Amino acid sequence: MLKNLALMFIFVCLPLVAFAQETPVGKWKTIDDETKREKSLVEITETDGKLSGKILEVFKNEGETVDTLCTKCEGAKKDQPIVGMTFLWDLQPKGDEWTGGRILDPKNGKEYSAKIKVVENGARLKVRGFLGISLLGRSQTWERAK
């Protein structure tokens, strides 16, 4: 009887665990689309049906200098610390993507329209920043942090 109950619990909960990995909510390692190196650790959260992302850590590769302040940003983010900064906001679900939001590139201080999509059973996140239409932009694939 107890064995049957345990098996039933596993079969009921297993799909929920798989579904949980399909969400963009969680911690991600950002990967530079040009160098293919890890750039930072970010956390995506959901509040009131919208996603936002905050920079938790910036990785420094040997021989690199890393800006700690967003010197090229404008407005309230100007000269603010990059670690702790919200750089992704207002993404809303639409089909299997999250769209309609904005993303900030702290390196150049520019904001872009953004959309994201969870792929590879939740292991990776396709992130696209663009101007106007999605064809005019650039993409990165981030890895879920363990």
N, C-alpha and C. Protein backbone atom coordinates (compact mmCIF):
# COMPACT_ATOMS: atom_id res chain seq x y z
N MET A 1 0.83 -1.20 0.00
CA MET A 1 0.00 0.00 0.00
C MET A 1 0.87 1.26 0.00
N LEU A 2 1.87 1.33 0.89
CA LEU A 2 2.76 2.48 0.97
C LEU A 2 3.59 2.61 -0.31
N LYS A 3 3.99 1.44 -0.85
CA LYS A 3 4.77 1.44 -2.09
C LYS A 3 3.92 2.00 -3.24
N ASN A 4 2.68 1.62 -3.33
CA ASN A 4 1.79 2.12 -4.37
C ASN A 4 1.56 3.61 -4.23
N LEU A 5 1.42 4.08 -3.01
CA LEU A 5 1.23 5.51 -2.76
C LEU A 5 2.47 6.30 -3.18
N ALA A 6 3.64 5.77 -2.88
CA ALA A 6 4.90 6.43 -3.25
C ALA A 6 5.04 6.49 -4.77
N LEU A 7 4.71 5.40 -5.47
CA LEU A 7 4.78 5.38 -6.92
C LEU A 7 3.80 6.38 -7.54
N MET A 8 2.60 6.44 -6.99
CA MET A 8 1.60 7.37 -7.49
C MET A 8 2.09 8.82 -7.29
N PHE A 9 2.71 9.10 -6.16
CA PHE A 9 3.24 10.43 -5.87
C PHE A 9 4.31 10.81 -6.90
N ILE A 10 5.20 9.87 -7.22
CA ILE A 10 6.27 10.11 -8.20
C ILE A 10 5.67 10.42 -9.57
N PHE A 11 4.69 9.63 -10.00
CA PHE A 11 4.10 9.84 -11.32
C PHE A 11 3.32 11.14 -11.40
N VAL A 12 2.74 11.57 -10.31
CA VAL A 12 2.01 12.84 -10.29
C VAL A 12 2.98 14.02 -10.28
N CYS A 13 4.06 13.92 -9.52
CA CYS A 13 4.99 15.04 -9.35
C CYS A 13 6.02 15.16 -10.46
N LEU A 14 6.36 14.08 -11.11
CA LEU A 14 7.38 14.11 -12.15
C LEU A 14 7.07 15.10 -13.27
N PRO A 15 5.86 15.14 -13.79
CA PRO A 15 5.57 16.15 -14.82
C PRO A 15 5.70 17.57 -14.30
N LEU A 16 5.40 17.79 -13.04
CA LEU A 16 5.53 19.13 -12.46
C LEU A 16 6.99 19.55 -12.40
N VAL A 17 7.88 18.64 -12.07
CA VAL A 17 9.30 18.93 -12.02
C VAL A 17 9.81 19.27 -13.42
N ALA A 18 9.39 18.51 -14.41
CA ALA A 18 9.81 18.77 -15.79
C ALA A 18 9.30 20.13 -16.24
N PHE A 19 8.06 20.47 -15.89
CA PHE A 19 7.49 21.76 -16.27
C PHE A 19 8.25 22.90 -15.60
N ALA A 20 8.67 22.71 -14.37
CA ALA A 20 9.38 23.76 -13.63
C ALA A 20 10.67 24.15 -14.33
N GLN A 21 11.30 23.23 -15.03
CA GLN A 21 12.54 23.54 -15.73
C GLN A 21 12.31 24.30 -17.03
N GLU A 22 11.08 24.39 -17.49
CA GLU A 22 10.77 25.09 -18.73
C GLU A 22 10.54 26.58 -18.49
N THR A 23 10.65 27.04 -17.28
CA THR A 23 10.45 28.44 -16.98
C THR A 23 11.77 29.20 -17.07
N PRO A 24 11.73 30.45 -17.51
CA PRO A 24 12.96 31.24 -17.52
C PRO A 24 13.35 31.74 -16.12
N VAL A 25 12.47 31.56 -15.15
CA VAL A 25 12.77 32.01 -13.79
C VAL A 25 13.92 31.18 -13.23
N GLY A 26 14.91 31.84 -12.68
CA GLY A 26 16.05 31.17 -12.10
C GLY A 26 17.34 31.90 -12.40
N LYS A 27 18.46 31.22 -12.14
CA LYS A 27 19.78 31.81 -12.36
C LYS A 27 20.37 31.29 -13.66
N TRP A 28 21.03 32.19 -14.39
CA TRP A 28 21.58 31.89 -15.71
C TRP A 28 22.99 32.45 -15.84
N LYS A 29 23.84 31.72 -16.55
CA LYS A 29 25.15 32.23 -16.93
C LYS A 29 25.00 32.83 -18.31
N THR A 30 25.32 34.11 -18.44
CA THR A 30 25.25 34.73 -19.75
C THR A 30 26.52 34.38 -20.51
N ILE A 31 26.36 34.12 -21.81
CA ILE A 31 27.47 33.71 -22.66
C ILE A 31 27.60 34.74 -23.77
N ASP A 32 28.80 35.32 -23.91
CA ASP A 32 29.05 36.31 -24.95
C ASP A 32 28.89 35.66 -26.32
N ASP A 33 28.09 36.29 -27.18
CA ASP A 33 27.82 35.72 -28.50
C ASP A 33 29.04 35.79 -29.43
N GLU A 34 30.02 36.65 -29.12
CA GLU A 34 31.20 36.75 -29.96
C GLU A 34 32.35 35.89 -29.45
N THR A 35 32.66 35.97 -28.14
CA THR A 35 33.80 35.24 -27.59
C THR A 35 33.43 33.85 -27.08
N LYS A 36 32.15 33.61 -26.87
CA LYS A 36 31.62 32.35 -26.32
C LYS A 36 32.05 32.13 -24.87
N ARG A 37 32.51 33.16 -24.19
CA ARG A 37 32.92 33.06 -22.79
C ARG A 37 31.76 33.46 -21.87
N GLU A 38 31.79 32.90 -20.66
CA GLU A 38 30.80 33.30 -19.65
C GLU A 38 31.07 34.74 -19.26
N LYS A 39 30.01 35.55 -19.23
CA LYS A 39 30.16 36.97 -18.91
C LYS A 39 29.66 37.32 -17.51
N SER A 40 28.54 36.71 -17.14
CA SER A 40 27.95 37.09 -15.86
C SER A 40 26.97 36.02 -15.38
N LEU A 41 26.59 36.19 -14.13
CA LEU A 41 25.53 35.37 -13.53
C LEU A 41 24.37 36.31 -13.27
N VAL A 42 23.20 35.95 -13.81
CA VAL A 42 22.02 36.78 -13.64
C VAL A 42 20.88 35.95 -13.04
N GLU A 43 19.92 36.64 -12.48
CA GLU A 43 18.75 35.97 -11.94
C GLU A 43 17.50 36.59 -12.55
N ILE A 44 16.64 35.73 -13.09
CA ILE A 44 15.37 36.17 -13.66
C ILE A 44 14.27 35.81 -12.67
N THR A 45 13.43 36.80 -12.37
CA THR A 45 12.31 36.60 -11.46
C THR A 45 11.02 37.02 -12.15
N GLU A 46 9.90 36.55 -11.60
CA GLU A 46 8.59 36.91 -12.13
C GLU A 46 7.79 37.61 -11.05
N THR A 47 7.24 38.76 -11.40
CA THR A 47 6.38 39.51 -10.50
C THR A 47 5.18 40.00 -11.29
N ASP A 48 3.98 39.68 -10.80
CA ASP A 48 2.74 40.10 -11.45
C ASP A 48 2.69 39.72 -12.93
N GLY A 49 3.20 38.53 -13.26
CA GLY A 49 3.14 38.02 -14.63
C GLY A 49 4.18 38.58 -15.57
N LYS A 50 5.12 39.38 -15.06
CA LYS A 50 6.18 39.94 -15.89
C LYS A 50 7.54 39.49 -15.36
N LEU A 51 8.47 39.28 -16.29
CA LEU A 51 9.82 38.87 -15.91
C LEU A 51 10.75 40.08 -15.85
N SER A 52 11.70 39.98 -14.94
CA SER A 52 12.79 40.94 -14.89
C SER A 52 14.06 40.19 -14.55
N GLY A 53 15.20 40.78 -14.89
CA GLY A 53 16.48 40.14 -14.65
C GLY A 53 17.45 41.10 -13.98
N LYS A 54 18.22 40.55 -13.04
CA LYS A 54 19.18 41.33 -12.28
C LYS A 54 20.55 40.68 -12.40
N ILE A 55 21.59 41.49 -12.50
CA ILE A 55 22.96 40.99 -12.58
C ILE A 55 23.45 40.68 -11.17
N LEU A 56 23.85 39.42 -10.94
CA LEU A 56 24.34 39.00 -9.63
C LEU A 56 25.85 39.07 -9.52
N GLU A 57 26.53 38.79 -10.64
CA GLU A 57 27.99 38.73 -10.63
C GLU A 57 28.50 38.94 -12.05
N VAL A 58 29.63 39.61 -12.18
CA VAL A 58 30.29 39.78 -13.47
C VAL A 58 31.60 39.02 -13.42
N PHE A 59 31.82 38.15 -14.41
CA PHE A 59 33.03 37.34 -14.44
C PHE A 59 34.14 38.09 -15.16
N LYS A 60 35.34 37.97 -14.64
CA LYS A 60 36.50 38.61 -15.25
C LYS A 60 37.44 37.51 -15.73
N ASN A 61 37.65 37.49 -17.03
CA ASN A 61 38.61 36.55 -17.61
C ASN A 61 40.01 37.14 -17.50
N GLU A 62 41.00 36.27 -17.47
CA GLU A 62 42.38 36.71 -17.34
C GLU A 62 42.75 37.72 -18.42
N GLY A 63 43.34 38.82 -17.98
CA GLY A 63 43.76 39.85 -18.92
C GLY A 63 42.69 40.86 -19.27
N GLU A 64 41.48 40.68 -18.76
CA GLU A 64 40.38 41.59 -19.06
C GLU A 64 40.20 42.62 -17.95
N THR A 65 39.71 43.77 -18.33
CA THR A 65 39.24 44.73 -17.35
C THR A 65 37.73 44.75 -17.44
N VAL A 66 37.09 44.87 -16.31
CA VAL A 66 35.64 44.85 -16.28
C VAL A 66 35.15 46.12 -15.60
N ASP A 67 34.24 46.83 -16.29
CA ASP A 67 33.65 48.01 -15.69
C ASP A 67 32.74 47.58 -14.54
N THR A 68 32.84 48.28 -13.43
CA THR A 68 31.97 47.98 -12.29
C THR A 68 30.78 48.93 -12.24
N LEU A 69 30.89 50.06 -12.96
CA LEU A 69 29.80 51.03 -13.02
C LEU A 69 29.30 51.16 -14.45
N CYS A 70 28.03 51.48 -14.58
CA CYS A 70 27.45 51.64 -15.91
C CYS A 70 27.67 53.09 -16.36
N THR A 71 28.90 53.38 -16.76
CA THR A 71 29.29 54.75 -17.12
C THR A 71 28.63 55.23 -18.40
N LYS A 72 28.26 54.32 -19.29
CA LYS A 72 27.64 54.70 -20.56
C LYS A 72 26.12 54.71 -20.51
N CYS A 73 25.56 54.32 -19.37
CA CYS A 73 24.11 54.35 -19.21
C CYS A 73 23.62 55.78 -19.10
N GLU A 74 22.34 55.96 -19.34
CA GLU A 74 21.72 57.28 -19.21
C GLU A 74 20.67 57.23 -18.11
N GLY A 75 20.25 58.38 -17.66
CA GLY A 75 19.18 58.47 -16.68
C GLY A 75 19.58 57.94 -15.32
N ALA A 76 18.64 57.26 -14.66
CA ALA A 76 18.85 56.78 -13.28
C ALA A 76 19.94 55.72 -13.17
N LYS A 77 20.23 55.03 -14.25
CA LYS A 77 21.25 53.98 -14.22
C LYS A 77 22.67 54.52 -14.44
N LYS A 78 22.80 55.77 -14.82
CA LYS A 78 24.10 56.38 -15.08
C LYS A 78 25.00 56.27 -13.87
N ASP A 79 26.20 55.69 -14.07
CA ASP A 79 27.22 55.53 -13.04
C ASP A 79 26.79 54.66 -11.85
N GLN A 80 25.76 53.85 -12.04
CA GLN A 80 25.32 52.93 -11.00
C GLN A 80 26.09 51.61 -11.11
N PRO A 81 26.25 50.89 -9.98
CA PRO A 81 26.94 49.59 -10.02
C PRO A 81 26.22 48.61 -10.96
N ILE A 82 27.00 47.91 -11.75
CA ILE A 82 26.41 46.92 -12.66
C ILE A 82 25.89 45.72 -11.87
N VAL A 83 26.65 45.26 -10.88
CA VAL A 83 26.18 44.15 -10.04
C VAL A 83 25.01 44.67 -9.20
N GLY A 84 23.90 43.98 -9.29
CA GLY A 84 22.69 44.39 -8.59
C GLY A 84 21.72 45.15 -9.48
N MET A 85 22.16 45.51 -10.69
CA MET A 85 21.34 46.29 -11.61
C MET A 85 20.30 45.42 -12.30
N THR A 86 19.08 45.94 -12.43
CA THR A 86 18.05 45.31 -13.25
C THR A 86 18.33 45.71 -14.69
N PHE A 87 18.61 44.72 -15.52
CA PHE A 87 18.99 44.98 -16.91
C PHE A 87 17.97 44.43 -17.90
N LEU A 88 16.97 43.71 -17.40
CA LEU A 88 15.94 43.07 -18.22
C LEU A 88 14.62 43.29 -17.51
N TRP A 89 13.59 43.77 -18.22
CA TRP A 89 12.34 44.05 -17.52
C TRP A 89 11.14 44.01 -18.47
N ASP A 90 9.98 43.82 -17.86
CA ASP A 90 8.66 43.88 -18.53
C ASP A 90 8.39 42.82 -19.59
N LEU A 91 9.08 41.68 -19.53
CA LEU A 91 8.79 40.60 -20.48
C LEU A 91 7.50 39.90 -20.06
N GLN A 92 6.62 39.65 -21.03
CA GLN A 92 5.34 39.00 -20.77
C GLN A 92 5.20 37.76 -21.64
N PRO A 93 4.48 36.75 -21.13
CA PRO A 93 4.35 35.51 -21.92
C PRO A 93 3.51 35.71 -23.17
N LYS A 94 3.99 35.09 -24.26
CA LYS A 94 3.24 35.07 -25.52
C LYS A 94 3.60 33.77 -26.21
N GLY A 95 2.73 32.80 -26.15
CA GLY A 95 3.01 31.48 -26.70
C GLY A 95 4.13 30.83 -25.89
N ASP A 96 5.18 30.38 -26.57
CA ASP A 96 6.30 29.73 -25.87
C ASP A 96 7.46 30.70 -25.63
N GLU A 97 7.21 32.01 -25.82
CA GLU A 97 8.24 33.02 -25.60
C GLU A 97 7.77 34.03 -24.55
N TRP A 98 8.69 34.86 -24.14
CA TRP A 98 8.39 36.03 -23.31
C TRP A 98 8.84 37.23 -24.13
N THR A 99 7.95 38.18 -24.39
CA THR A 99 8.25 39.29 -25.28
C THR A 99 7.77 40.62 -24.69
N GLY A 100 8.00 41.68 -25.46
CA GLY A 100 7.48 42.99 -25.10
C GLY A 100 8.29 43.73 -24.06
N GLY A 101 9.42 43.18 -23.68
CA GLY A 101 10.23 43.80 -22.65
C GLY A 101 11.40 44.57 -23.21
N ARG A 102 12.27 44.96 -22.31
CA ARG A 102 13.47 45.71 -22.66
C ARG A 102 14.69 45.06 -22.04
N ILE A 103 15.85 45.24 -22.68
CA ILE A 103 17.10 44.73 -22.15
C ILE A 103 18.15 45.84 -22.31
N LEU A 104 19.00 45.97 -21.30
CA LEU A 104 20.06 46.96 -21.29
C LEU A 104 21.40 46.26 -21.45
N ASP A 105 22.23 46.76 -22.33
CA ASP A 105 23.60 46.28 -22.45
C ASP A 105 24.48 47.25 -21.67
N PRO A 106 24.92 46.87 -20.46
CA PRO A 106 25.72 47.79 -19.64
C PRO A 106 27.04 48.20 -20.28
N LYS A 107 27.50 47.40 -21.23
CA LYS A 107 28.78 47.70 -21.89
C LYS A 107 28.70 48.98 -22.73
N ASN A 108 27.55 49.17 -23.41
CA ASN A 108 27.41 50.37 -24.24
C ASN A 108 26.31 51.31 -23.74
N GLY A 109 25.58 50.91 -22.70
CA GLY A 109 24.55 51.75 -22.12
C GLY A 109 23.27 51.84 -22.92
N LYS A 110 23.13 51.03 -23.95
CA LYS A 110 21.95 51.10 -24.82
C LYS A 110 20.88 50.12 -24.39
N GLU A 111 19.62 50.52 -24.60
CA GLU A 111 18.47 49.66 -24.33
C GLU A 111 17.90 49.17 -25.66
N TYR A 112 17.40 47.94 -25.62
CA TYR A 112 16.83 47.31 -26.80
C TYR A 112 15.51 46.63 -26.43
N SER A 113 14.66 46.41 -27.42
CA SER A 113 13.51 45.53 -27.23
C SER A 113 14.06 44.14 -27.00
N ALA A 114 13.30 43.31 -26.28
CA ALA A 114 13.83 41.98 -25.94
C ALA A 114 12.75 40.92 -26.02
N LYS A 115 13.22 39.71 -26.30
CA LYS A 115 12.38 38.52 -26.18
C LYS A 115 13.28 37.36 -25.78
N ILE A 116 12.70 36.40 -25.06
CA ILE A 116 13.46 35.24 -24.61
C ILE A 116 12.62 33.98 -24.80
N LYS A 117 13.32 32.86 -24.89
CA LYS A 117 12.65 31.57 -25.05
C LYS A 117 13.50 30.49 -24.40
N VAL A 118 12.88 29.67 -23.58
CA VAL A 118 13.55 28.54 -22.95
C VAL A 118 13.65 27.42 -23.97
N VAL A 119 14.85 26.83 -24.09
CA VAL A 119 15.08 25.74 -25.04
C VAL A 119 15.84 24.61 -24.36
N GLU A 120 15.95 23.51 -25.08
CA GLU A 120 16.69 22.33 -24.62
C GLU A 120 16.23 21.86 -23.23
N ASN A 121 14.91 21.70 -23.09
CA ASN A 121 14.30 21.21 -21.85
C ASN A 121 14.68 22.05 -20.63
N GLY A 122 14.81 23.37 -20.85
CA GLY A 122 15.09 24.27 -19.74
C GLY A 122 16.56 24.48 -19.44
N ALA A 123 17.45 23.87 -20.21
CA ALA A 123 18.89 24.00 -19.95
C ALA A 123 19.47 25.29 -20.51
N ARG A 124 18.83 25.85 -21.53
CA ARG A 124 19.35 27.05 -22.18
C ARG A 124 18.22 28.07 -22.38
N LEU A 125 18.65 29.32 -22.52
CA LEU A 125 17.71 30.41 -22.74
C LEU A 125 18.20 31.21 -23.94
N LYS A 126 17.35 31.31 -24.97
CA LYS A 126 17.68 32.13 -26.13
C LYS A 126 17.21 33.55 -25.82
N VAL A 127 18.13 34.50 -25.89
CA VAL A 127 17.86 35.89 -25.56
C VAL A 127 18.13 36.73 -26.80
N ARG A 128 17.16 37.54 -27.19
CA ARG A 128 17.32 38.38 -28.39
C ARG A 128 17.04 39.83 -28.03
N GLY A 129 17.99 40.70 -28.31
CA GLY A 129 17.81 42.13 -28.19
C GLY A 129 17.78 42.72 -29.58
N PHE A 130 16.86 43.67 -29.82
CA PHE A 130 16.70 44.19 -31.18
C PHE A 130 16.14 45.60 -31.19
N LEU A 131 16.33 46.25 -32.32
CA LEU A 131 15.78 47.59 -32.55
C LEU A 131 14.62 47.46 -33.52
N GLY A 132 13.46 47.90 -33.12
CA GLY A 132 12.30 47.87 -34.01
C GLY A 132 11.78 46.46 -34.24
N ILE A 133 12.30 45.79 -35.27
CA ILE A 133 11.86 44.43 -35.57
C ILE A 133 12.94 43.44 -35.16
N SER A 134 12.52 42.24 -34.86
CA SER A 134 13.43 41.22 -34.33
C SER A 134 14.57 40.87 -35.28
N LEU A 135 14.38 41.10 -36.58
CA LEU A 135 15.45 40.80 -37.55
C LEU A 135 16.67 41.70 -37.36
N LEU A 136 16.46 42.87 -36.79
CA LEU A 136 17.55 43.83 -36.59
C LEU A 136 18.04 43.76 -35.15
N GLY A 137 18.82 42.72 -34.86
CA GLY A 137 19.29 42.57 -33.49
C GLY A 137 20.36 41.51 -33.37
N ARG A 138 20.57 41.10 -32.13
CA ARG A 138 21.55 40.05 -31.90
C ARG A 138 21.05 39.12 -30.81
N SER A 139 21.51 37.89 -30.88
CA SER A 139 21.06 36.85 -29.95
C SER A 139 22.21 36.30 -29.14
N GLN A 140 21.87 35.82 -27.96
CA GLN A 140 22.78 35.07 -27.12
C GLN A 140 22.03 33.86 -26.61
N THR A 141 22.78 32.81 -26.30
CA THR A 141 22.21 31.64 -25.65
C THR A 141 22.86 31.52 -24.29
N TRP A 142 22.05 31.59 -23.25
CA TRP A 142 22.54 31.51 -21.88
C TRP A 142 22.34 30.10 -21.36
N GLU A 143 23.14 29.72 -20.36
CA GLU A 143 23.05 28.40 -19.77
C GLU A 143 22.49 28.51 -18.36
N ARG A 144 21.59 27.58 -18.02
CA ARG A 144 21.04 27.58 -16.66
C ARG A 144 22.15 27.27 -15.67
N ALA A 145 22.25 28.10 -14.65
CA ALA A 145 23.26 27.88 -13.61
C ALA A 145 22.82 26.73 -12.71
N LYS A 146 23.76 25.95 -12.30
CA LYS A 146 23.45 24.80 -11.44
C LYS A 146 23.53 25.17 -9.99
